[in-house]
Amino acid sequence: MSDVAERAGVSKMTVSRVLAGRNVSQATRERVQKVIDELGYVADAAAGALSSGRSEFVAVLVPSLSSSNFSDTVRGLNAALSPHGLQLLLGDTDYRLDQEELLVRSMLRHQPRCVALTGGRHTDATRMLLQRAGIPVVEMWDLPSDPIDTVVGFSNSAAARAMVRHLHERGYRRIGFIAGASERDRRGHDRMRGYVAEMKALGLGDPRVIRLGDSPITMSHGGPAIGALLDAWPDTEAVMCVSDMSAFGAIMECHRRGLSVPGDLAIAGFGNFEVSWCCQPSITTVSVDAYGIGQRAGETLLAALAEREAGAEARADAPRRKAVKIDFTVIARDSA
């Protein structure tokens, strides 16, 4: 900054004002900016955050960067936030609450403007850290009963119940469910819980659940899981899978066994991944607007920031407790 000021013939304070977009004459701004460009000077964002108490970052935590749904959510967030000069500081929790806590601790040291994280279940320490941070927080992809701040999501349990009802309406009665074995994926657990609840509500007998595979669930889990389910309940007529990925693996295993889908066994998934409409047969699934979740979460954070900057809230750490519900849709395709 001293080099820029010396060459431009201004004070360091003037350089700082140009970098911050504050009021200086147009001629001075152009002269300083020309020197900045010539020198390739990049301002120290950490120092700027320390002096202003603000950064340009939004901390974003997702369970898996390999999931196209969570990648779409990140794209939606970026589309909403980047036009306002906010950049994403991204972390992958690997479905682990302890990893989420570690990332939250680390990211808060960078003084993010706000935080977006996936799900509504966290360690006590994570909740305390975010509540004490005094910045807007949004939880995505879920509708927790006790949110930290604001929520943008849907009920995974209700979505699974809707799929069971769809299969029931298609005439299927002996319906199974393929889930992951890990307790880390709470959204998957909620889908299983919704399946069990709707089976009971419809009087369809005992649940037929196979839990196999660690999170994230992949195509490779579906084959062994459908084999285990058919070994346990060979008269099963339809199967709902916790993800389109496992549904694809299940369909491929049916092909290997010479079973017709949906003639011998109907199979449904969850997520409306690209594989669901590329598969043969195409997969009946639950569609959720993953990009829209990110976009609405970004808009919610921007609104909260605007309110705080306008002094609309009496206390910066006052919980907002607002929920934006995202619609889901059962998409009927060829597999069920």
C-alpha atoms as a PDB file:
ATOM      1  CA  MET A   1       0.000   0.000   0.000  1.00  0.00           C
ATOM      2  CA  SER A   2       2.927   2.332   0.730  1.00  0.00           C
ATOM      3  CA  ASP A   3       4.327   1.662  -2.749  1.00  0.00           C
ATOM      4  CA  VAL A   4       0.961   2.425  -4.361  1.00  0.00           C
ATOM      5  CA  ALA A   5       0.577   5.629  -2.327  1.00  0.00           C
ATOM      6  CA  GLU A   6       4.087   6.827  -3.151  1.00  0.00           C
ATOM      7  CA  ARG A   7       3.798   6.228  -6.894  1.00  0.00           C
ATOM      8  CA  ALA A   8       0.281   7.732  -7.065  1.00  0.00           C
ATOM      9  CA  GLY A   9       1.274  10.739  -4.963  1.00  0.00           C
ATOM     10  CA  VAL A  10      -1.428  10.175  -2.325  1.00  0.00           C
ATOM     11  CA  SER A  11      -1.637   9.012   1.280  1.00  0.00           C
ATOM     12  CA  LYS A  12      -2.071   5.388   2.329  1.00  0.00           C
ATOM     13  CA  MET A  13      -5.462   6.404   3.716  1.00  0.00           C
ATOM     14  CA  THR A  14      -6.519   7.512   0.237  1.00  0.00           C
ATOM     15  CA  VAL A  15      -5.412   4.159  -1.212  1.00  0.00           C
ATOM     16  CA  SER A  16      -7.430   2.453   1.510  1.00  0.00           C
ATOM     17  CA  ARG A  17     -10.496   4.525   0.646  1.00  0.00           C
ATOM     18  CA  VAL A  18     -10.168   3.620  -3.040  1.00  0.00           C
ATOM     19  CA  LEU A  19      -9.895  -0.089  -2.200  1.00  0.00           C
ATOM     20  CA  ALA A  20     -12.918   0.128   0.094  1.00  0.00           C
ATOM     21  CA  GLY A  21     -14.992   1.965  -2.538  1.00  0.00           C
ATOM     22  CA  ARG A  22     -15.354   5.017  -0.351  1.00  0.00           C
ATOM     23  CA  ASN A  23     -15.737   8.622  -1.436  1.00  0.00           C
ATOM     24  CA  VAL A  24     -12.743  10.028  -3.341  1.00  0.00           C
ATOM     25  CA  SER A  25     -12.650  12.139  -6.495  1.00  0.00           C
ATOM     26  CA  GLN A  26     -12.933  10.307  -9.778  1.00  0.00           C
ATOM     27  CA  ALA A  27      -9.559  11.581 -10.952  1.00  0.00           C
ATOM     28  CA  THR A  28      -7.836  10.375  -7.770  1.00  0.00           C
ATOM     29  CA  ARG A  29      -9.607   7.012  -7.956  1.00  0.00           C
ATOM     30  CA  GLU A  30      -8.470   6.495 -11.546  1.00  0.00           C
ATOM     31  CA  ARG A  31      -4.880   7.499 -10.751  1.00  0.00           C
ATOM     32  CA  VAL A  32      -4.665   5.168  -7.765  1.00  0.00           C
ATOM     33  CA  GLN A  33      -6.346   2.304  -9.600  1.00  0.00           C
ATOM     34  CA  LYS A  34      -3.900   2.658 -12.499  1.00  0.00           C
ATOM     35  CA  VAL A  35      -0.957   2.267 -10.106  1.00  0.00           C
ATOM     36  CA  ILE A  36      -2.639  -0.697  -8.391  1.00  0.00           C
ATOM     37  CA  ASP A  37      -3.001  -2.378 -11.778  1.00  0.00           C
ATOM     38  CA  GLU A  38       0.602  -1.585 -12.773  1.00  0.00           C
ATOM     39  CA  LEU A  39       2.025  -3.003  -9.537  1.00  0.00           C
ATOM     40  CA  GLY A  40      -0.342  -5.982  -9.379  1.00  0.00           C
ATOM     41  CA  TYR A  41      -1.157  -5.012  -5.806  1.00  0.00           C
ATOM     42  CA  VAL A  42      -3.657  -7.206  -3.942  1.00  0.00           C
ATOM     43  CA  ALA A  43      -5.032  -5.880  -0.669  1.00  0.00           C
ATOM     44  CA  ASP A  44      -4.596  -7.965   2.498  1.00  0.00           C
ATOM     45  CA  ALA A  45      -8.144  -9.172   3.089  1.00  0.00           C
ATOM     46  CA  ALA A  46      -7.309 -10.462   6.581  1.00  0.00           C
ATOM     47  CA  ALA A  47      -6.010  -7.068   7.630  1.00  0.00           C
ATOM     48  CA  GLY A  48      -9.071  -5.409   6.130  1.00  0.00           C
ATOM     49  CA  ALA A  49     -11.366  -7.746   8.036  1.00  0.00           C
ATOM     50  CA  LEU A  50      -9.537  -6.997  11.289  1.00  0.00           C
ATOM     51  CA  SER A  51      -9.854  -3.243  10.826  1.00  0.00           C
ATOM     52  CA  SER A  52     -13.460  -3.236   9.636  1.00  0.00           C
ATOM     53  CA  GLY A  53     -14.822  -6.269  11.469  1.00  0.00           C
ATOM     54  CA  ARG A  54     -16.077  -7.548   8.097  1.00  0.00           C
ATOM     55  CA  SER A  55     -14.903  -9.856   5.347  1.00  0.00           C
ATOM     56  CA  GLU A  56     -16.142 -10.693   1.889  1.00  0.00           C
ATOM     57  CA  PHE A  57     -16.608 -14.367   2.765  1.00  0.00           C
ATOM     58  CA  VAL A  58     -19.642 -16.521   3.423  1.00  0.00           C
ATOM     59  CA  ALA A  59     -18.751 -19.815   5.089  1.00  0.00           C
ATOM     60  CA  VAL A  60     -20.559 -22.755   3.440  1.00  0.00           C
ATOM     61  CA  LEU A  61     -20.490 -26.328   4.731  1.00  0.00           C
ATOM     62  CA  VAL A  62     -21.829 -29.315   2.773  1.00  0.00           C
ATOM     63  CA  PRO A  63     -21.609 -33.047   3.546  1.00  0.00           C
ATOM     64  CA  SER A  64     -20.039 -34.047   0.228  1.00  0.00           C
ATOM     65  CA  LEU A  65     -18.629 -32.176  -2.745  1.00  0.00           C
ATOM     66  CA  SER A  66     -19.003 -35.315  -4.873  1.00  0.00           C
ATOM     67  CA  SER A  67     -22.806 -35.102  -4.685  1.00  0.00           C
ATOM     68  CA  SER A  68     -24.308 -33.244  -7.636  1.00  0.00           C
ATOM     69  CA  ASN A  69     -27.205 -32.103  -5.441  1.00  0.00           C
ATOM     70  CA  PHE A  70     -24.929 -30.368  -2.931  1.00  0.00           C
ATOM     71  CA  SER A  71     -22.796 -28.995  -5.766  1.00  0.00           C
ATOM     72  CA  ASP A  72     -25.967 -27.509  -7.265  1.00  0.00           C
ATOM     73  CA  THR A  73     -26.811 -25.970  -3.896  1.00  0.00           C
ATOM     74  CA  VAL A  74     -23.371 -24.352  -3.776  1.00  0.00           C
ATOM     75  CA  ARG A  75     -23.906 -23.002  -7.302  1.00  0.00           C
ATOM     76  CA  GLY A  76     -27.244 -21.529  -6.219  1.00  0.00           C
ATOM     77  CA  LEU A  77     -25.634 -19.863  -3.224  1.00  0.00           C
ATOM     78  CA  ASN A  78     -22.873 -18.421  -5.379  1.00  0.00           C
ATOM     79  CA  ALA A  79     -25.367 -17.117  -7.945  1.00  0.00           C
ATOM     80  CA  ALA A  80     -27.216 -15.209  -5.210  1.00  0.00           C
ATOM     81  CA  LEU A  81     -24.190 -13.921  -3.300  1.00  0.00           C
ATOM     82  CA  SER A  82     -21.452 -13.176  -5.846  1.00  0.00           C
ATOM     83  CA  PRO A  83     -23.238 -10.186  -7.469  1.00  0.00           C
ATOM     84  CA  HIS A  84     -23.078  -8.551  -4.036  1.00  0.00           C
ATOM     85  CA  GLY A  85     -19.321  -9.003  -3.743  1.00  0.00           C
ATOM     86  CA  LEU A  86     -19.516 -12.009  -1.433  1.00  0.00           C
ATOM     87  CA  GLN A  87     -17.363 -15.087  -2.035  1.00  0.00           C
ATOM     88  CA  LEU A  88     -17.818 -18.624  -0.714  1.00  0.00           C
ATOM     89  CA  LEU A  89     -15.434 -20.182   1.792  1.00  0.00           C
ATOM     90  CA  LEU A  90     -16.314 -23.846   1.244  1.00  0.00           C
ATOM     91  CA  GLY A  91     -15.922 -26.821   3.578  1.00  0.00           C
ATOM     92  CA  ASP A  92     -16.707 -30.542   3.154  1.00  0.00           C
ATOM     93  CA  THR A  93     -17.872 -32.155   6.409  1.00  0.00           C
ATOM     94  CA  ASP A  94     -17.866 -35.745   5.078  1.00  0.00           C
ATOM     95  CA  TYR A  95     -21.185 -36.239   6.941  1.00  0.00           C
ATOM     96  CA  ARG A  96     -19.311 -35.952  10.261  1.00  0.00           C
ATOM     97  CA  LEU A  97     -20.525 -33.650  13.013  1.00  0.00           C
ATOM     98  CA  ASP A  98     -17.064 -33.473  14.578  1.00  0.00           C
ATOM     99  CA  GLN A  99     -15.607 -32.401  11.231  1.00  0.00           C
ATOM    100  CA  GLU A 100     -18.352 -29.791  10.907  1.00  0.00           C
ATOM    101  CA  GLU A 101     -17.437 -28.402  14.339  1.00  0.00           C
ATOM    102  CA  LEU A 102     -13.765 -28.256  13.376  1.00  0.00           C
ATOM    103  CA  LEU A 103     -14.577 -26.398  10.166  1.00  0.00           C
ATOM    104  CA  VAL A 104     -16.896 -23.950  11.926  1.00  0.00           C
ATOM    105  CA  ARG A 105     -14.178 -23.117  14.452  1.00  0.00           C
ATOM    106  CA  SER A 106     -11.651 -22.594  11.664  1.00  0.00           C
ATOM    107  CA  MET A 107     -13.940 -20.570   9.413  1.00  0.00           C
ATOM    108  CA  LEU A 108     -15.105 -18.239  12.169  1.00  0.00           C
ATOM    109  CA  ARG A 109     -11.469 -17.154  12.591  1.00  0.00           C
ATOM    110  CA  HIS A 110     -11.769 -15.630   9.113  1.00  0.00           C
ATOM    111  CA  GLN A 111     -14.700 -13.485  10.291  1.00  0.00           C
ATOM    112  CA  PRO A 112     -17.240 -14.546   7.635  1.00  0.00           C
ATOM    113  CA  ARG A 113     -20.192 -12.270   7.039  1.00  0.00           C
ATOM    114  CA  CYS A 114     -22.568 -15.205   7.502  1.00  0.00           C
ATOM    115  CA  VAL A 115     -22.706 -19.003   7.502  1.00  0.00           C
ATOM    116  CA  ALA A 116     -24.676 -21.566   5.479  1.00  0.00           C
ATOM    117  CA  LEU A 117     -24.533 -25.179   6.619  1.00  0.00           C
ATOM    118  CA  THR A 118     -26.317 -28.373   5.671  1.00  0.00           C
ATOM    119  CA  GLY A 119     -28.812 -30.085   7.951  1.00  0.00           C
ATOM    120  CA  GLY A 120     -30.258 -29.279  11.342  1.00  0.00           C
ATOM    121  CA  ARG A 121     -28.233 -31.589  13.570  1.00  0.00           C
ATOM    122  CA  HIS A 122     -24.950 -30.320  15.017  1.00  0.00           C
ATOM    123  CA  THR A 123     -22.754 -30.742  18.074  1.00  0.00           C
ATOM    124  CA  ASP A 124     -23.577 -28.580  21.072  1.00  0.00           C
ATOM    125  CA  ALA A 125     -20.305 -26.757  20.545  1.00  0.00           C
ATOM    126  CA  THR A 126     -21.157 -25.958  16.918  1.00  0.00           C
ATOM    127  CA  ARG A 127     -24.527 -24.525  17.923  1.00  0.00           C
ATOM    128  CA  MET A 128     -22.926 -22.422  20.662  1.00  0.00           C
ATOM    129  CA  LEU A 129     -20.217 -21.108  18.328  1.00  0.00           C
ATOM    130  CA  LEU A 130     -22.732 -20.069  15.683  1.00  0.00           C
ATOM    131  CA  GLN A 131     -25.171 -18.550  18.157  1.00  0.00           C
ATOM    132  CA  ARG A 132     -22.402 -16.480  19.766  1.00  0.00           C
ATOM    133  CA  ALA A 133     -20.901 -15.386  16.442  1.00  0.00           C
ATOM    134  CA  GLY A 134     -23.588 -12.728  16.028  1.00  0.00           C
ATOM    135  CA  ILE A 135     -23.856 -13.239  12.265  1.00  0.00           C
ATOM    136  CA  PRO A 136     -26.686 -14.605  10.087  1.00  0.00           C
ATOM    137  CA  VAL A 137     -26.820 -18.392   9.872  1.00  0.00           C
ATOM    138  CA  VAL A 138     -28.947 -20.518   7.554  1.00  0.00           C
ATOM    139  CA  GLU A 139     -29.438 -24.283   7.798  1.00  0.00           C
ATOM    140  CA  MET A 140     -30.239 -25.957   4.476  1.00  0.00           C
ATOM    141  CA  TRP A 141     -31.837 -29.191   3.232  1.00  0.00           C
ATOM    142  CA  ASP A 142     -33.837 -29.818   6.400  1.00  0.00           C
ATOM    143  CA  LEU A 143     -36.530 -28.353   8.636  1.00  0.00           C
ATOM    144  CA  PRO A 144     -35.113 -28.704  12.172  1.00  0.00           C
ATOM    145  CA  SER A 145     -37.508 -28.193  15.069  1.00  0.00           C
ATOM    146  CA  ASP A 146     -34.980 -25.999  16.907  1.00  0.00           C
ATOM    147  CA  PRO A 147     -33.137 -23.952  14.265  1.00  0.00           C
ATOM    148  CA  ILE A 148     -30.071 -21.902  15.076  1.00  0.00           C
ATOM    149  CA  ASP A 149     -31.326 -18.952  13.027  1.00  0.00           C
ATOM    150  CA  THR A 150     -33.029 -19.311   9.639  1.00  0.00           C
ATOM    151  CA  VAL A 151     -33.852 -22.446   7.635  1.00  0.00           C
ATOM    152  CA  VAL A 152     -34.244 -23.201   3.925  1.00  0.00           C
ATOM    153  CA  GLY A 153     -35.294 -26.778   3.355  1.00  0.00           C
ATOM    154  CA  PHE A 154     -37.969 -29.436   3.304  1.00  0.00           C
ATOM    155  CA  SER A 155     -39.089 -32.451   5.307  1.00  0.00           C
ATOM    156  CA  ASN A 156     -37.184 -35.526   4.118  1.00  0.00           C
ATOM    157  CA  SER A 157     -39.608 -37.655   6.117  1.00  0.00           C
ATOM    158  CA  ALA A 158     -42.633 -36.149   4.366  1.00  0.00           C
ATOM    159  CA  ALA A 159     -40.983 -36.627   0.971  1.00  0.00           C
ATOM    160  CA  ALA A 160     -40.392 -40.318   1.676  1.00  0.00           C
ATOM    161  CA  ARG A 161     -43.985 -40.724   2.822  1.00  0.00           C
ATOM    162  CA  ALA A 162     -45.136 -39.183  -0.443  1.00  0.00           C
ATOM    163  CA  MET A 163     -43.139 -41.771  -2.395  1.00  0.00           C
ATOM    164  CA  VAL A 164     -44.619 -44.648  -0.376  1.00  0.00           C
ATOM    165  CA  ARG A 165     -48.096 -43.297  -1.083  1.00  0.00           C
ATOM    166  CA  HIS A 166     -47.242 -43.105  -4.773  1.00  0.00           C
ATOM    167  CA  LEU A 167     -46.133 -46.743  -4.821  1.00  0.00           C
ATOM    168  CA  HIS A 168     -49.271 -47.733  -2.909  1.00  0.00           C
ATOM    169  CA  GLU A 169     -51.448 -45.897  -5.418  1.00  0.00           C
ATOM    170  CA  ARG A 170     -49.719 -47.836  -8.196  1.00  0.00           C
ATOM    171  CA  GLY A 171     -50.928 -51.050  -6.559  1.00  0.00           C
ATOM    172  CA  TYR A 172     -47.808 -52.123  -4.669  1.00  0.00           C
ATOM    173  CA  ARG A 173     -48.279 -53.441  -1.145  1.00  0.00           C
ATOM    174  CA  ARG A 174     -45.093 -55.295  -0.176  1.00  0.00           C
ATOM    175  CA  ILE A 175     -42.687 -52.350  -0.245  1.00  0.00           C
ATOM    176  CA  GLY A 176     -39.084 -52.396   0.956  1.00  0.00           C
ATOM    177  CA  PHE A 177     -36.557 -49.672   1.693  1.00  0.00           C
ATOM    178  CA  ILE A 178     -32.805 -49.533   1.047  1.00  0.00           C
ATOM    179  CA  ALA A 179     -30.919 -47.201   3.388  1.00  0.00           C
ATOM    180  CA  GLY A 180     -27.325 -46.505   4.346  1.00  0.00           C
ATOM    181  CA  ALA A 181     -25.879 -48.112   7.452  1.00  0.00           C
ATOM    182  CA  SER A 182     -24.344 -44.921   8.838  1.00  0.00           C
ATOM    183  CA  GLU A 183     -26.125 -42.692  11.338  1.00  0.00           C
ATOM    184  CA  ARG A 184     -24.195 -39.698   9.993  1.00  0.00           C
ATOM    185  CA  ASP A 185     -26.600 -39.028   7.118  1.00  0.00           C
ATOM    186  CA  ARG A 186     -29.542 -37.624   9.069  1.00  0.00           C
ATOM    187  CA  ARG A 187     -31.481 -36.763   5.908  1.00  0.00           C
ATOM    188  CA  GLY A 188     -31.264 -40.391   4.833  1.00  0.00           C
ATOM    189  CA  HIS A 189     -32.353 -41.447   8.304  1.00  0.00           C
ATOM    190  CA  ASP A 190     -35.348 -39.119   8.112  1.00  0.00           C
ATOM    191  CA  ARG A 191     -36.335 -40.655   4.750  1.00  0.00           C
ATOM    192  CA  MET A 192     -36.230 -44.106   6.314  1.00  0.00           C
ATOM    193  CA  ARG A 193     -38.310 -42.825   9.224  1.00  0.00           C
ATOM    194  CA  GLY A 194     -40.879 -41.440   6.781  1.00  0.00           C
ATOM    195  CA  TYR A 195     -41.047 -44.762   4.953  1.00  0.00           C
ATOM    196  CA  VAL A 196     -41.686 -46.631   8.206  1.00  0.00           C
ATOM    197  CA  ALA A 197     -44.351 -44.142   9.308  1.00  0.00           C
ATOM    198  CA  GLU A 198     -46.248 -44.306   6.010  1.00  0.00           C
ATOM    199  CA  MET A 199     -46.097 -48.100   5.846  1.00  0.00           C
ATOM    200  CA  LYS A 200     -47.739 -48.136   9.260  1.00  0.00           C
ATOM    201  CA  ALA A 201     -50.289 -45.479   8.309  1.00  0.00           C
ATOM    202  CA  LEU A 202     -51.334 -47.452   5.231  1.00  0.00           C
ATOM    203  CA  GLY A 203     -51.505 -50.751   7.128  1.00  0.00           C
ATOM    204  CA  LEU A 204     -48.899 -52.389   4.877  1.00  0.00           C
ATOM    205  CA  GLY A 205     -47.328 -54.628   7.489  1.00  0.00           C
ATOM    206  CA  ASP A 206     -43.859 -54.638   8.990  1.00  0.00           C
ATOM    207  CA  PRO A 207     -41.191 -52.474   7.355  1.00  0.00           C
ATOM    208  CA  ARG A 208     -38.696 -54.213   5.088  1.00  0.00           C
ATOM    209  CA  VAL A 209     -35.492 -52.248   5.604  1.00  0.00           C
ATOM    210  CA  ILE A 210     -31.958 -53.085   4.525  1.00  0.00           C
ATOM    211  CA  ARG A 211     -29.212 -50.783   5.840  1.00  0.00           C
ATOM    212  CA  LEU A 212     -25.938 -51.130   3.977  1.00  0.00           C
ATOM    213  CA  GLY A 213     -23.051 -48.827   3.157  1.00  0.00           C
ATOM    214  CA  ASP A 214     -21.375 -45.768   4.636  1.00  0.00           C
ATOM    215  CA  SER A 215     -22.180 -42.205   3.611  1.00  0.00           C
ATOM    216  CA  PRO A 216     -22.220 -40.969   0.953  1.00  0.00           C
ATOM    217  CA  ILE A 217     -24.289 -43.710  -0.665  1.00  0.00           C
ATOM    218  CA  THR A 218     -23.054 -44.637  -4.146  1.00  0.00           C
ATOM    219  CA  MET A 219     -24.151 -46.859  -7.020  1.00  0.00           C
ATOM    220  CA  SER A 220     -22.037 -49.697  -5.627  1.00  0.00           C
ATOM    221  CA  HIS A 221     -24.276 -49.987  -2.550  1.00  0.00           C
ATOM    222  CA  GLY A 222     -27.484 -50.701  -4.459  1.00  0.00           C
ATOM    223  CA  GLY A 223     -26.613 -54.132  -5.828  1.00  0.00           C
ATOM    224  CA  PRO A 224     -25.639 -55.841  -2.561  1.00  0.00           C
ATOM    225  CA  ALA A 225     -28.530 -54.125  -0.763  1.00  0.00           C
ATOM    226  CA  ILE A 226     -31.206 -55.293  -3.209  1.00  0.00           C
ATOM    227  CA  GLY A 227     -29.741 -58.799  -3.013  1.00  0.00           C
ATOM    228  CA  ALA A 228     -29.971 -58.766   0.780  1.00  0.00           C
ATOM    229  CA  LEU A 229     -33.533 -57.447   0.669  1.00  0.00           C
ATOM    230  CA  LEU A 230     -34.720 -60.123  -1.771  1.00  0.00           C
ATOM    231  CA  ASP A 231     -33.007 -62.807   0.295  1.00  0.00           C
ATOM    232  CA  ALA A 232     -34.889 -61.613   3.386  1.00  0.00           C
ATOM    233  CA  TRP A 233     -38.233 -60.879   1.690  1.00  0.00           C
ATOM    234  CA  PRO A 234     -38.384 -62.636  -1.704  1.00  0.00           C
ATOM    235  CA  ASP A 235     -42.024 -61.613  -2.251  1.00  0.00           C
ATOM    236  CA  THR A 236     -41.195 -57.884  -2.252  1.00  0.00           C
ATOM    237  CA  GLU A 237     -43.026 -56.012  -5.010  1.00  0.00           C
ATOM    238  CA  ALA A 238     -41.419 -52.569  -4.844  1.00  0.00           C
ATOM    239  CA  VAL A 239     -38.376 -50.957  -3.257  1.00  0.00           C
ATOM    240  CA  MET A 240     -37.712 -47.347  -2.356  1.00  0.00           C
ATOM    241  CA  CYS A 241     -34.025 -46.395  -2.202  1.00  0.00           C
ATOM    242  CA  VAL A 242     -32.584 -43.594  -0.096  1.00  0.00           C
ATOM    243  CA  SER A 243     -30.865 -42.184  -3.187  1.00  0.00           C
ATOM    244  CA  ASP A 244     -31.032 -42.432  -6.962  1.00  0.00           C
ATOM    245  CA  MET A 245     -27.464 -43.727  -6.791  1.00  0.00           C
ATOM    246  CA  SER A 246     -28.413 -46.849  -4.856  1.00  0.00           C
ATOM    247  CA  ALA A 247     -31.544 -47.195  -6.998  1.00  0.00           C
ATOM    248  CA  PHE A 248     -29.362 -47.342 -10.118  1.00  0.00           C
ATOM    249  CA  GLY A 249     -27.152 -49.996  -8.516  1.00  0.00           C
ATOM    250  CA  ALA A 250     -30.260 -51.971  -7.546  1.00  0.00           C
ATOM    251  CA  ILE A 251     -31.624 -51.843 -11.098  1.00  0.00           C
ATOM    252  CA  MET A 252     -28.304 -53.062 -12.525  1.00  0.00           C
ATOM    253  CA  GLU A 253     -28.352 -55.984 -10.082  1.00  0.00           C
ATOM    254  CA  CYS A 254     -31.885 -56.835 -11.189  1.00  0.00           C
ATOM    255  CA  HIS A 255     -30.662 -56.894 -14.794  1.00  0.00           C
ATOM    256  CA  ARG A 256     -27.852 -59.260 -13.794  1.00  0.00           C
ATOM    257  CA  ARG A 257     -30.369 -61.545 -12.080  1.00  0.00           C
ATOM    258  CA  GLY A 258     -32.707 -61.519 -15.050  1.00  0.00           C
ATOM    259  CA  LEU A 259     -35.394 -59.632 -13.149  1.00  0.00           C
ATOM    260  CA  SER A 260     -37.589 -57.184 -15.010  1.00  0.00           C
ATOM    261  CA  VAL A 261     -37.969 -53.663 -13.636  1.00  0.00           C
ATOM    262  CA  PRO A 262     -40.773 -52.854 -12.938  1.00  0.00           C
ATOM    263  CA  GLY A 263     -42.343 -56.158 -14.091  1.00  0.00           C
ATOM    264  CA  ASP A 264     -40.781 -58.330 -11.383  1.00  0.00           C
ATOM    265  CA  LEU A 265     -39.732 -55.563  -9.011  1.00  0.00           C
ATOM    266  CA  ALA A 266     -40.478 -51.843  -9.017  1.00  0.00           C
ATOM    267  CA  ILE A 267     -37.647 -49.563  -7.856  1.00  0.00           C
ATOM    268  CA  ALA A 268     -37.781 -45.886  -6.854  1.00  0.00           C
ATOM    269  CA  GLY A 269     -35.063 -43.473  -5.810  1.00  0.00           C
ATOM    270  CA  PHE A 270     -34.609 -40.040  -4.281  1.00  0.00           C
ATOM    271  CA  GLY A 271     -32.925 -36.876  -5.522  1.00  0.00           C
ATOM    272  CA  ASN A 272     -33.606 -36.701  -9.277  1.00  0.00           C
ATOM    273  CA  PHE A 273     -29.919 -37.073 -10.107  1.00  0.00           C
ATOM    274  CA  GLU A 274     -28.868 -37.111 -13.743  1.00  0.00           C
ATOM    275  CA  VAL A 275     -28.557 -40.888 -13.602  1.00  0.00           C
ATOM    276  CA  SER A 276     -32.280 -41.170 -12.827  1.00  0.00           C
ATOM    277  CA  TRP A 277     -33.359 -40.044 -16.272  1.00  0.00           C
ATOM    278  CA  CYS A 278     -30.388 -41.602 -18.120  1.00  0.00           C
ATOM    279  CA  CYS A 279     -30.976 -45.044 -16.618  1.00  0.00           C
ATOM    280  CA  GLN A 280     -32.909 -47.767 -18.448  1.00  0.00           C
ATOM    281  CA  PRO A 281     -35.582 -47.942 -17.222  1.00  0.00           C
ATOM    282  CA  SER A 282     -35.656 -44.327 -16.061  1.00  0.00           C
ATOM    283  CA  ILE A 283     -36.012 -44.058 -12.294  1.00  0.00           C
ATOM    284  CA  THR A 284     -39.124 -42.910 -10.458  1.00  0.00           C
ATOM    285  CA  THR A 285     -37.802 -40.455  -7.891  1.00  0.00           C
ATOM    286  CA  VAL A 286     -38.392 -37.525  -5.547  1.00  0.00           C
ATOM    287  CA  SER A 287     -37.210 -34.264  -7.085  1.00  0.00           C
ATOM    288  CA  VAL A 288     -35.954 -31.409  -4.928  1.00  0.00           C
ATOM    289  CA  ASP A 289     -34.710 -28.113  -6.322  1.00  0.00           C
ATOM    290  CA  ALA A 290     -31.132 -28.316  -5.031  1.00  0.00           C
ATOM    291  CA  TYR A 291     -30.051 -25.183  -6.904  1.00  0.00           C
ATOM    292  CA  GLY A 292     -33.127 -23.359  -5.600  1.00  0.00           C
ATOM    293  CA  ILE A 293     -32.252 -24.290  -2.019  1.00  0.00           C
ATOM    294  CA  GLY A 294     -28.882 -22.591  -2.434  1.00  0.00           C
ATOM    295  CA  GLN A 295     -30.380 -19.582  -4.184  1.00  0.00           C
ATOM    296  CA  ARG A 296     -33.069 -19.063  -1.538  1.00  0.00           C
ATOM    297  CA  ALA A 297     -30.502 -19.565   1.222  1.00  0.00           C
ATOM    298  CA  GLY A 298     -28.318 -16.882  -0.372  1.00  0.00           C
ATOM    299  CA  GLU A 299     -31.263 -14.503  -0.678  1.00  0.00           C
ATOM    300  CA  THR A 300     -32.184 -15.145   2.963  1.00  0.00           C
ATOM    301  CA  LEU A 301     -28.635 -14.324   4.077  1.00  0.00           C
ATOM    302  CA  LEU A 302     -28.561 -11.151   1.992  1.00  0.00           C
ATOM    303  CA  ALA A 303     -31.838 -10.005   3.521  1.00  0.00           C
ATOM    304  CA  ALA A 304     -30.510 -10.660   7.022  1.00  0.00           C
ATOM    305  CA  LEU A 305     -27.306  -8.733   6.271  1.00  0.00           C
ATOM    306  CA  ALA A 306     -29.296  -5.803   4.892  1.00  0.00           C
ATOM    307  CA  GLU A 307     -31.468  -5.700   8.017  1.00  0.00           C
ATOM    308  CA  ARG A 308     -28.452  -5.734  10.303  1.00  0.00           C
ATOM    309  CA  GLU A 309     -26.662  -3.018   8.367  1.00  0.00           C
ATOM    310  CA  ALA A 310     -29.818  -0.900   8.428  1.00  0.00           C
ATOM    311  CA  GLY A 311     -30.070  -1.356  12.182  1.00  0.00           C
ATOM    312  CA  ALA A 312     -33.467  -3.048  11.850  1.00  0.00           C
ATOM    313  CA  GLU A 313     -32.699  -5.510  14.641  1.00  0.00           C
ATOM    314  CA  ALA A 314     -32.294  -4.497  18.235  1.00  0.00           C
ATOM    315  CA  ARG A 315     -29.631  -7.151  18.857  1.00  0.00           C
ATOM    316  CA  ALA A 316     -27.252  -8.577  16.277  1.00  0.00           C
ATOM    317  CA  ASP A 317     -27.467 -12.008  17.879  1.00  0.00           C
ATOM    318  CA  ALA A 318     -31.271 -12.093  18.161  1.00  0.00           C
ATOM    319  CA  PRO A 319     -32.473 -15.416  16.710  1.00  0.00           C
ATOM    320  CA  ARG A 320     -34.573 -14.975  13.573  1.00  0.00           C
ATOM    321  CA  ARG A 321     -36.218 -18.419  13.552  1.00  0.00           C
ATOM    322  CA  LYS A 322     -37.611 -18.104  10.039  1.00  0.00           C
ATOM    323  CA  ALA A 323     -38.206 -21.077   7.752  1.00  0.00           C
ATOM    324  CA  VAL A 324     -38.391 -21.097   3.967  1.00  0.00           C
ATOM    325  CA  LYS A 325     -40.023 -24.328   2.838  1.00  0.00           C
ATOM    326  CA  ILE A 326     -38.901 -25.805  -0.485  1.00  0.00           C
ATOM    327  CA  ASP A 327     -41.325 -27.944  -2.478  1.00  0.00           C
ATOM    328  CA  PHE A 328     -40.571 -31.526  -3.484  1.00  0.00           C
ATOM    329  CA  THR A 329     -42.232 -33.563  -6.233  1.00  0.00           C
ATOM    330  CA  VAL A 330     -42.635 -37.274  -6.903  1.00  0.00           C
ATOM    331  CA  ILE A 331     -41.639 -37.846 -10.521  1.00  0.00           C
ATOM    332  CA  ALA A 332     -43.181 -40.999 -11.990  1.00  0.00           C
ATOM    333  CA  ARG A 333     -40.946 -42.664 -14.554  1.00  0.00           C
ATOM    334  CA  ASP A 334     -40.557 -46.184 -15.948  1.00  0.00           C
ATOM    335  CA  SER A 335     -39.044 -48.027 -12.982  1.00  0.00           C
ATOM    336  CA  ALA A 336     -42.113 -47.949 -10.707  1.00  0.00           C
END
